[in-house]
Amino acid sequence: MSGLNIKRQLGLLYISNFMFNISIAGAAWVLLLVSDGYSLVQVGLAETIFHVVSLVAEIPSGMFADIFGRKKSLILSCVMSMASALVRGFCIGFPSILISVGFSALSYNFISGSDSALAYDSLVEADRADKYDRYISTQTAIYRISNGIATLFAGVAVIMGNRNAQILSLGISAVNMVFLLFLRENKVIEKKSSDSLAKRFRDVYKGSFGFLKGNKKVAGLIFRNALVGGIDVLLLFFLQAKLPMTGIPDWSLGPLLFIISTGGIFGALAARKVKKTTLGKLFVFCISLALIGLVSEFTGVWYLMTIGGFVTAFADDLIQIRSDIALNQMVPAEQRATLISVNSFCFSVLMIVMSPLAGWVFSL
């Protein structure tokens, strides 16, 4: 893959990442539920359903990407996102919300691991694997910026109404799918095209779990990363509902949530500066920041809660980027998406336990 083509490949992945996270309906889903009269306990239940579905589908979706192709997996992610918007926008009642959340989880599953594997192996093919840290840092910053912009306009989603917000999300996903069609599949996937489906499945299954069985270091890295990420995600979700209770003006919620998201951007930039710091030391630093952020939520003081969310987002993206780079360097190319998906699998296990508990605790 030539230098010009790798720039095009990564450029398409950057665009896709931006469009996947720019949806105001997705970024403000907690606010939309609360504005429709649903309680924080119900929000916690919906979050639990998301991670139950994600738990069940995470590793199979990673295997799908390694068997059928990372490009196909990303396209299927868009299809699931569109299904989620359709159900949420045109069906009534809490059960339909849970179904929509399930489709949203599947959308997350099919993109999780697939984009990282596609990018890393594309860079390997172009003999530029050393540039992956710059790529993943940029992708993380794009995620935070796009999600922050969407959150900034969270109030707009409420003004638009749920259905119109979901229609907008549907359109964004459709456009995103068009960009994904121009991606090029990895050679490691193309080489398998002549193999039978049974052989491809067997190779991915045996290779992935055989690798994990003999690599306890990878398992520990995955757990630590998921723990910090779980605290960050839950804190951000519930800050959407808790910040308005501090008496801030309605117009200020979006800007405050945007400020919180920028913490991740600084975390992504910092990740480039700590290449020589061990992951163990980084974990201690990042989990300490995340716990500080968690405690700040209970102060009821809007600026302390905002600072707490900022430092937690900083910690999450810092450890996530360094862990992602380490994982991609460790795992074999043939099972890359599957093994990276194990990271999200562990994250989902933690979230299933933490989400309903957080919904109850944060409602006190």
Protein backbone atom coordinates (compact mmCIF):
# COMPACT_ATOMS: atom_id res chain seq x y z
CA MET A 1 0.00 0.00 0.00
CA SER A 2 1.64 3.24 -1.12
CA GLY A 3 2.11 6.30 1.08
CA LEU A 4 -0.67 8.12 -0.77
CA ASN A 5 -3.07 5.20 -0.28
CA ILE A 6 -2.32 4.86 3.41
CA LYS A 7 -3.09 8.54 3.87
CA ARG A 8 -6.39 7.98 2.10
CA GLN A 9 -7.13 4.89 4.19
CA LEU A 10 -6.46 6.64 7.48
CA GLY A 11 -8.30 9.74 6.29
CA LEU A 12 -11.43 7.68 5.66
CA LEU A 13 -11.13 6.17 9.14
CA TYR A 14 -10.79 9.65 10.65
CA ILE A 15 -13.92 10.82 8.82
CA SER A 16 -15.85 7.71 9.85
CA ASN A 17 -14.84 8.16 13.51
CA PHE A 18 -16.03 11.78 13.42
CA MET A 19 -19.37 10.90 11.86
CA PHE A 20 -19.94 7.93 14.14
CA ASN A 21 -19.70 10.18 17.21
CA ILE A 22 -21.21 13.45 15.96
CA SER A 23 -24.81 12.33 16.48
CA ILE A 24 -26.46 14.60 19.08
CA ALA A 25 -29.05 11.90 19.78
CA GLY A 26 -26.32 9.45 20.69
CA ALA A 27 -24.27 11.88 22.76
CA ALA A 28 -27.32 13.18 24.64
CA TRP A 29 -29.28 9.95 25.01
CA VAL A 30 -29.33 10.22 28.81
CA LEU A 31 -30.60 13.80 28.62
CA LEU A 32 -33.28 12.75 26.10
CA LEU A 33 -34.47 9.95 28.39
CA VAL A 34 -34.54 12.21 31.45
CA SER A 35 -36.39 14.94 29.51
CA ASP A 36 -38.98 12.33 28.53
CA GLY A 37 -39.60 11.57 32.19
CA TYR A 38 -37.53 8.43 32.70
CA SER A 39 -35.72 8.03 36.04
CA LEU A 40 -32.00 7.59 36.69
CA VAL A 41 -32.74 4.01 37.73
CA GLN A 42 -34.27 3.38 34.28
CA VAL A 43 -31.28 5.08 32.68
CA GLY A 44 -29.05 2.70 34.65
CA LEU A 45 -31.13 -0.26 33.47
CA ALA A 46 -30.83 0.87 29.85
CA GLU A 47 -27.08 1.19 30.29
CA THR A 48 -27.02 -2.33 31.74
CA ILE A 49 -28.92 -3.71 28.73
CA PHE A 50 -26.40 -2.01 26.46
CA HIS A 51 -23.54 -3.82 28.16
CA VAL A 52 -25.35 -7.18 28.42
CA VAL A 53 -25.84 -7.16 24.65
CA SER A 54 -22.30 -5.92 24.18
CA LEU A 55 -20.98 -8.66 26.45
CA VAL A 56 -22.72 -11.39 24.44
CA ALA A 57 -21.82 -9.98 21.01
CA GLU A 58 -18.38 -8.46 21.58
CA ILE A 59 -16.12 -11.43 20.90
CA PRO A 60 -18.36 -12.88 18.11
CA SER A 61 -18.31 -9.47 16.40
CA GLY A 62 -14.53 -9.40 16.64
CA MET A 63 -14.38 -12.87 15.13
CA PHE A 64 -16.72 -11.68 12.36
CA ALA A 65 -14.24 -8.91 11.54
CA ASP A 66 -11.29 -11.33 11.43
CA ILE A 67 -13.21 -13.92 9.38
CA PHE A 68 -15.24 -11.82 6.93
CA GLY A 69 -13.34 -8.53 6.99
CA ARG A 70 -12.86 -5.42 9.08
CA LYS A 71 -14.45 -3.23 6.37
CA LYS A 72 -17.64 -5.34 6.37
CA SER A 73 -17.74 -5.12 10.16
CA LEU A 74 -17.59 -1.31 10.08
CA ILE A 75 -20.38 -1.17 7.50
CA LEU A 76 -22.50 -3.50 9.63
CA SER A 77 -21.90 -1.14 12.55
CA CYS A 78 -23.60 1.63 10.55
CA VAL A 79 -26.54 -0.67 9.78
CA MET A 80 -27.01 -1.38 13.50
CA SER A 81 -26.79 2.34 14.29
CA MET A 82 -29.51 3.07 11.74
CA ALA A 83 -31.71 0.32 13.20
CA SER A 84 -31.26 1.84 16.67
CA ALA A 85 -32.34 5.28 15.46
CA LEU A 86 -35.39 3.86 13.68
CA VAL A 87 -36.63 1.97 16.73
CA ARG A 88 -35.94 4.84 19.14
CA GLY A 89 -37.54 7.39 16.84
CA PHE A 90 -40.67 5.57 15.75
CA CYS A 91 -41.54 3.12 18.55
CA ILE A 92 -43.11 4.13 21.87
CA GLY A 93 -42.46 2.86 25.40
CA PHE A 94 -39.54 1.83 27.58
CA PRO A 95 -39.27 -1.66 26.01
CA SER A 96 -38.61 -0.04 22.62
CA ILE A 97 -35.88 2.05 24.24
CA LEU A 98 -34.21 -1.13 25.48
CA ILE A 99 -34.42 -2.65 21.98
CA SER A 100 -32.90 0.51 20.52
CA VAL A 101 -30.13 0.35 23.12
CA GLY A 102 -29.50 -3.25 22.06
CA PHE A 103 -29.00 -2.22 18.43
CA SER A 104 -26.75 0.60 19.61
CA ALA A 105 -24.66 -1.94 21.52
CA LEU A 106 -24.31 -4.07 18.40
CA SER A 107 -23.21 -1.00 16.47
CA TYR A 108 -20.52 -0.44 19.09
CA ASN A 109 -19.53 -4.13 18.94
CA PHE A 110 -18.96 -4.18 15.20
CA ILE A 111 -16.80 -1.06 15.23
CA SER A 112 -14.89 -2.00 18.40
CA GLY A 113 -11.61 -3.60 17.44
CA SER A 114 -12.37 -3.50 13.71
CA ASP A 115 -11.24 0.09 13.09
CA SER A 116 -8.12 -0.39 15.19
CA ALA A 117 -7.22 -3.65 13.43
CA LEU A 118 -7.85 -2.17 9.99
CA ALA A 119 -5.67 0.85 10.74
CA TYR A 120 -2.80 -1.04 12.39
CA ASP A 121 -2.51 -3.71 9.70
CA SER A 122 -2.80 -1.07 6.98
CA LEU A 123 0.16 0.75 8.55
CA VAL A 124 2.07 -2.54 8.79
CA GLU A 125 1.46 -3.16 5.06
CA ALA A 126 2.78 0.33 4.32
CA ASP A 127 5.82 -0.34 6.57
CA ARG A 128 4.74 2.52 8.86
CA ALA A 129 3.65 0.70 12.01
CA ASP A 130 5.68 3.19 14.07
CA LYS A 131 3.07 5.83 13.17
CA TYR A 132 0.26 4.01 14.92
CA ASP A 133 0.66 5.94 18.17
CA ARG A 134 0.07 9.18 16.25
CA TYR A 135 -2.93 7.64 14.52
CA ILE A 136 -4.64 6.39 17.68
CA SER A 137 -3.94 9.67 19.51
CA THR A 138 -5.50 11.60 16.64
CA GLN A 139 -8.48 9.22 16.52
CA THR A 140 -9.06 9.65 20.25
CA ALA A 141 -8.91 13.44 19.93
CA ILE A 142 -11.38 13.28 17.02
CA TYR A 143 -13.68 11.13 19.13
CA ARG A 144 -13.60 13.61 22.00
CA ILE A 145 -14.06 16.62 19.71
CA SER A 146 -16.95 15.11 17.74
CA ASN A 147 -18.63 13.74 20.85
CA GLY A 148 -18.01 17.04 22.61
CA ILE A 149 -19.60 18.99 19.75
CA ALA A 150 -22.59 16.67 19.83
CA THR A 151 -22.86 17.07 23.59
CA LEU A 152 -22.45 20.84 23.27
CA PHE A 153 -25.69 20.84 21.30
CA ALA A 154 -27.41 18.44 23.70
CA GLY A 155 -30.07 21.05 24.36
CA VAL A 156 -30.77 21.19 20.64
CA ALA A 157 -31.67 17.49 20.70
CA VAL A 158 -34.27 18.17 23.39
CA ILE A 159 -35.66 21.15 21.45
CA MET A 160 -35.79 19.09 18.23
CA GLY A 161 -37.59 16.29 19.98
CA ASN A 162 -36.57 12.66 20.10
CA ARG A 163 -37.93 11.66 16.69
CA ASN A 164 -36.25 14.46 14.76
CA ALA A 165 -32.97 13.86 16.61
CA GLN A 166 -33.12 10.18 15.66
CA ILE A 167 -33.87 11.00 12.01
CA LEU A 168 -30.79 13.22 11.97
CA SER A 169 -28.73 10.36 13.42
CA LEU A 170 -30.12 8.03 10.79
CA GLY A 171 -28.97 10.36 8.02
CA ILE A 172 -25.49 10.74 9.49
CA SER A 173 -25.08 6.95 9.67
CA ALA A 174 -26.17 6.58 6.04
CA VAL A 175 -23.58 9.12 4.89
CA ASN A 176 -20.94 7.44 7.04
CA MET A 177 -21.65 4.14 5.32
CA VAL A 178 -20.87 5.72 1.95
CA PHE A 179 -17.40 6.75 3.15
CA LEU A 180 -16.75 3.27 4.53
CA LEU A 181 -17.38 1.71 1.13
CA PHE A 182 -14.15 3.31 -0.12
CA LEU A 183 -11.94 1.63 2.51
CA ARG A 184 -9.51 -1.09 1.44
CA GLU A 185 -9.52 -4.42 3.26
CA ASN A 186 -6.32 -5.72 4.89
CA LYS A 187 -4.19 -8.26 3.07
CA VAL A 188 -4.32 -10.56 6.09
CA ILE A 189 -8.08 -10.86 5.49
CA GLU A 190 -7.82 -11.14 1.71
CA LYS A 191 -5.44 -14.10 2.07
CA LYS A 192 -8.19 -16.05 3.84
CA SER A 193 -10.75 -15.59 1.04
CA SER A 194 -9.93 -18.98 -0.53
CA ASP A 195 -10.25 -20.86 2.79
CA SER A 196 -13.50 -22.49 3.82
CA LEU A 197 -15.69 -20.73 6.39
CA ALA A 198 -15.11 -23.57 8.85
CA LYS A 199 -11.32 -23.27 8.54
CA ARG A 200 -11.40 -19.49 8.97
CA PHE A 201 -13.58 -19.79 12.07
CA ARG A 202 -11.40 -22.56 13.53
CA ASP A 203 -8.18 -20.63 12.94
CA VAL A 204 -9.49 -17.45 14.57
CA TYR A 205 -11.01 -19.32 17.53
CA LYS A 206 -7.95 -21.45 18.29
CA GLY A 207 -5.49 -18.65 17.62
CA SER A 208 -7.29 -16.07 19.78
CA PHE A 209 -8.00 -18.14 22.87
CA GLY A 210 -4.72 -19.97 22.64
CA PHE A 211 -2.95 -16.62 22.68
CA LEU A 212 -4.93 -15.30 25.67
CA LYS A 213 -4.38 -18.49 27.66
CA GLY A 214 -0.63 -18.04 27.52
CA ASN A 215 -0.51 -14.27 28.05
CA LYS A 216 -1.57 -13.18 31.53
CA LYS A 217 0.10 -9.80 30.96
CA VAL A 218 -2.40 -9.04 28.20
CA ALA A 219 -5.34 -10.02 30.41
CA GLY A 220 -4.16 -7.73 33.21
CA LEU A 221 -3.65 -4.84 30.83
CA ILE A 222 -7.18 -5.29 29.46
CA PHE A 223 -8.77 -5.31 32.92
CA ARG A 224 -6.98 -2.18 34.11
CA ASN A 225 -7.91 -0.27 30.98
CA ALA A 226 -11.56 -1.33 31.26
CA LEU A 227 -11.78 -0.25 34.92
CA VAL A 228 -10.70 3.34 34.23
CA GLY A 229 -12.90 3.49 31.12
CA GLY A 230 -15.94 2.25 33.03
CA ILE A 231 -15.66 4.98 35.64
CA ASP A 232 -15.28 7.64 32.94
CA VAL A 233 -18.29 6.49 30.89
CA LEU A 234 -20.62 6.21 33.88
CA LEU A 235 -19.52 9.55 35.27
CA LEU A 236 -20.12 11.33 31.96
CA PHE A 237 -23.55 9.74 31.50
CA PHE A 238 -24.79 10.67 34.93
CA LEU A 239 -23.29 14.16 34.85
CA GLN A 240 -25.73 14.84 32.00
CA ALA A 241 -28.54 14.30 34.49
CA LYS A 242 -26.90 15.59 37.67
CA LEU A 243 -25.37 18.88 36.51
CA PRO A 244 -28.79 20.50 35.84
CA MET A 245 -29.74 19.68 39.44
CA THR A 246 -27.01 22.03 40.72
CA GLY A 247 -29.01 25.06 39.57
CA ILE A 248 -26.96 25.95 36.50
CA PRO A 249 -28.76 27.73 33.61
CA ASP A 250 -30.16 25.38 30.96
CA TRP A 251 -27.94 26.87 28.26
CA SER A 252 -24.74 26.08 30.20
CA LEU A 253 -25.10 22.28 30.29
CA GLY A 254 -23.78 21.75 26.76
CA PRO A 255 -20.68 23.93 27.24
CA LEU A 256 -19.87 22.25 30.56
CA LEU A 257 -20.14 18.77 29.02
CA PHE A 258 -17.96 19.95 26.15
CA ILE A 259 -15.31 21.15 28.63
CA ILE A 260 -15.43 17.71 30.27
CA SER A 261 -14.88 16.04 26.88
CA THR A 262 -11.81 18.17 26.19
CA GLY A 263 -10.12 16.39 29.08
CA GLY A 264 -9.84 13.40 26.77
CA ILE A 265 -8.13 15.52 24.11
CA PHE A 266 -5.44 16.54 26.59
CA GLY A 267 -5.17 12.90 27.64
CA ALA A 268 -4.59 11.90 24.01
CA LEU A 269 -1.88 14.53 23.61
CA ALA A 270 -0.25 13.48 26.89
CA ALA A 271 -0.16 9.85 25.71
CA ARG A 272 2.49 10.81 23.14
CA LYS A 273 4.72 12.20 25.89
CA VAL A 274 4.77 9.19 28.24
CA LYS A 275 5.99 6.44 25.92
CA LYS A 276 8.71 5.39 28.36
CA THR A 277 6.44 5.26 31.43
CA THR A 278 5.39 1.73 32.37
CA LEU A 279 1.73 0.81 32.05
CA GLY A 280 1.66 -0.15 35.73
CA LYS A 281 2.64 3.35 36.82
CA LEU A 282 0.22 4.90 34.34
CA PHE A 283 -2.61 2.80 35.71
CA VAL A 284 -1.99 3.93 39.30
CA PHE A 285 -1.94 7.56 38.15
CA CYS A 286 -5.04 7.24 35.97
CA ILE A 287 -7.18 5.26 38.44
CA SER A 288 -6.36 7.87 41.10
CA LEU A 289 -7.61 10.66 38.80
CA ALA A 290 -10.74 8.66 37.95
CA LEU A 291 -11.57 8.15 41.63
CA ILE A 292 -11.11 11.88 42.28
CA GLY A 293 -13.56 12.56 39.46
CA LEU A 294 -16.03 10.07 40.92
CA VAL A 295 -15.90 11.69 44.36
CA SER A 296 -16.41 15.16 42.84
CA GLU A 297 -19.82 14.07 41.50
CA PHE A 298 -21.17 13.90 45.05
CA THR A 299 -20.18 17.46 45.96
CA GLY A 300 -23.17 18.97 44.18
CA VAL A 301 -20.95 21.90 43.14
CA TRP A 302 -21.07 22.35 39.39
CA TYR A 303 -17.50 23.53 38.88
CA LEU A 304 -16.03 20.74 41.02
CA MET A 305 -18.17 18.19 39.13
CA THR A 306 -16.96 19.64 35.83
CA ILE A 307 -13.31 19.49 36.90
CA GLY A 308 -13.85 15.92 38.11
CA GLY A 309 -15.32 14.89 34.76
CA PHE A 310 -12.42 16.61 32.96
CA VAL A 311 -9.67 14.78 34.87
CA THR A 312 -11.49 11.45 34.52
CA ALA A 313 -11.75 11.88 30.75
CA PHE A 314 -8.04 12.80 30.74
CA ALA A 315 -7.16 9.62 32.66
CA ASP A 316 -9.38 7.40 30.50
CA ASP A 317 -7.88 8.44 27.17
CA LEU A 318 -4.32 8.48 28.47
CA ILE A 319 -4.43 4.86 29.67
CA GLN A 320 -6.61 3.74 26.77
CA ILE A 321 -4.20 4.95 24.11
CA ARG A 322 -1.10 3.48 25.74
CA SER A 323 -2.96 0.18 26.32
CA ASP A 324 -4.24 0.10 22.73
CA ILE A 325 -0.74 0.58 21.35
CA ALA A 326 0.66 -2.13 23.62
CA LEU A 327 -2.12 -4.58 22.70
CA ASN A 328 -1.67 -4.10 18.96
CA GLN A 329 2.04 -4.72 19.29
CA MET A 330 1.41 -7.95 21.22
CA VAL A 331 -1.38 -9.67 19.29
CA PRO A 332 -1.09 -11.62 16.01
CA ALA A 333 -2.52 -9.95 12.88
CA GLU A 334 -4.84 -12.86 11.97
CA GLN A 335 -6.81 -12.51 15.22
CA ARG A 336 -6.26 -8.80 15.87
CA ALA A 337 -9.92 -7.67 15.86
CA THR A 338 -11.00 -10.60 18.02
CA LEU A 339 -8.31 -10.05 20.63
CA ILE A 340 -8.82 -6.27 20.73
CA SER A 341 -12.53 -7.00 21.22
CA VAL A 342 -11.71 -8.89 24.40
CA ASN A 343 -10.79 -5.47 25.82
CA SER A 344 -14.37 -4.29 25.22
CA PHE A 345 -15.71 -7.61 26.52
CA CYS A 346 -14.00 -7.01 29.86
CA PHE A 347 -15.30 -3.43 29.84
CA SER A 348 -18.86 -4.73 29.35
CA VAL A 349 -18.54 -7.17 32.25
CA LEU A 350 -17.54 -4.34 34.55
CA MET A 351 -20.29 -2.06 33.25
CA ILE A 352 -23.00 -4.68 33.81
CA VAL A 353 -22.01 -4.74 37.46
CA MET A 354 -21.39 -1.01 37.81
CA SER A 355 -24.28 0.52 35.80
CA PRO A 356 -27.30 -0.40 37.96
CA LEU A 357 -25.30 0.30 41.12
CA ALA A 358 -24.28 3.70 39.76
CA GLY A 359 -27.89 4.47 38.78
CA TRP A 360 -28.99 3.82 42.37
CA VAL A 361 -26.06 5.61 44.04
CA PHE A 362 -26.21 8.70 41.80
CA SER A 363 -29.98 8.99 42.38
CA LEU A 364 -29.46 9.48 46.14
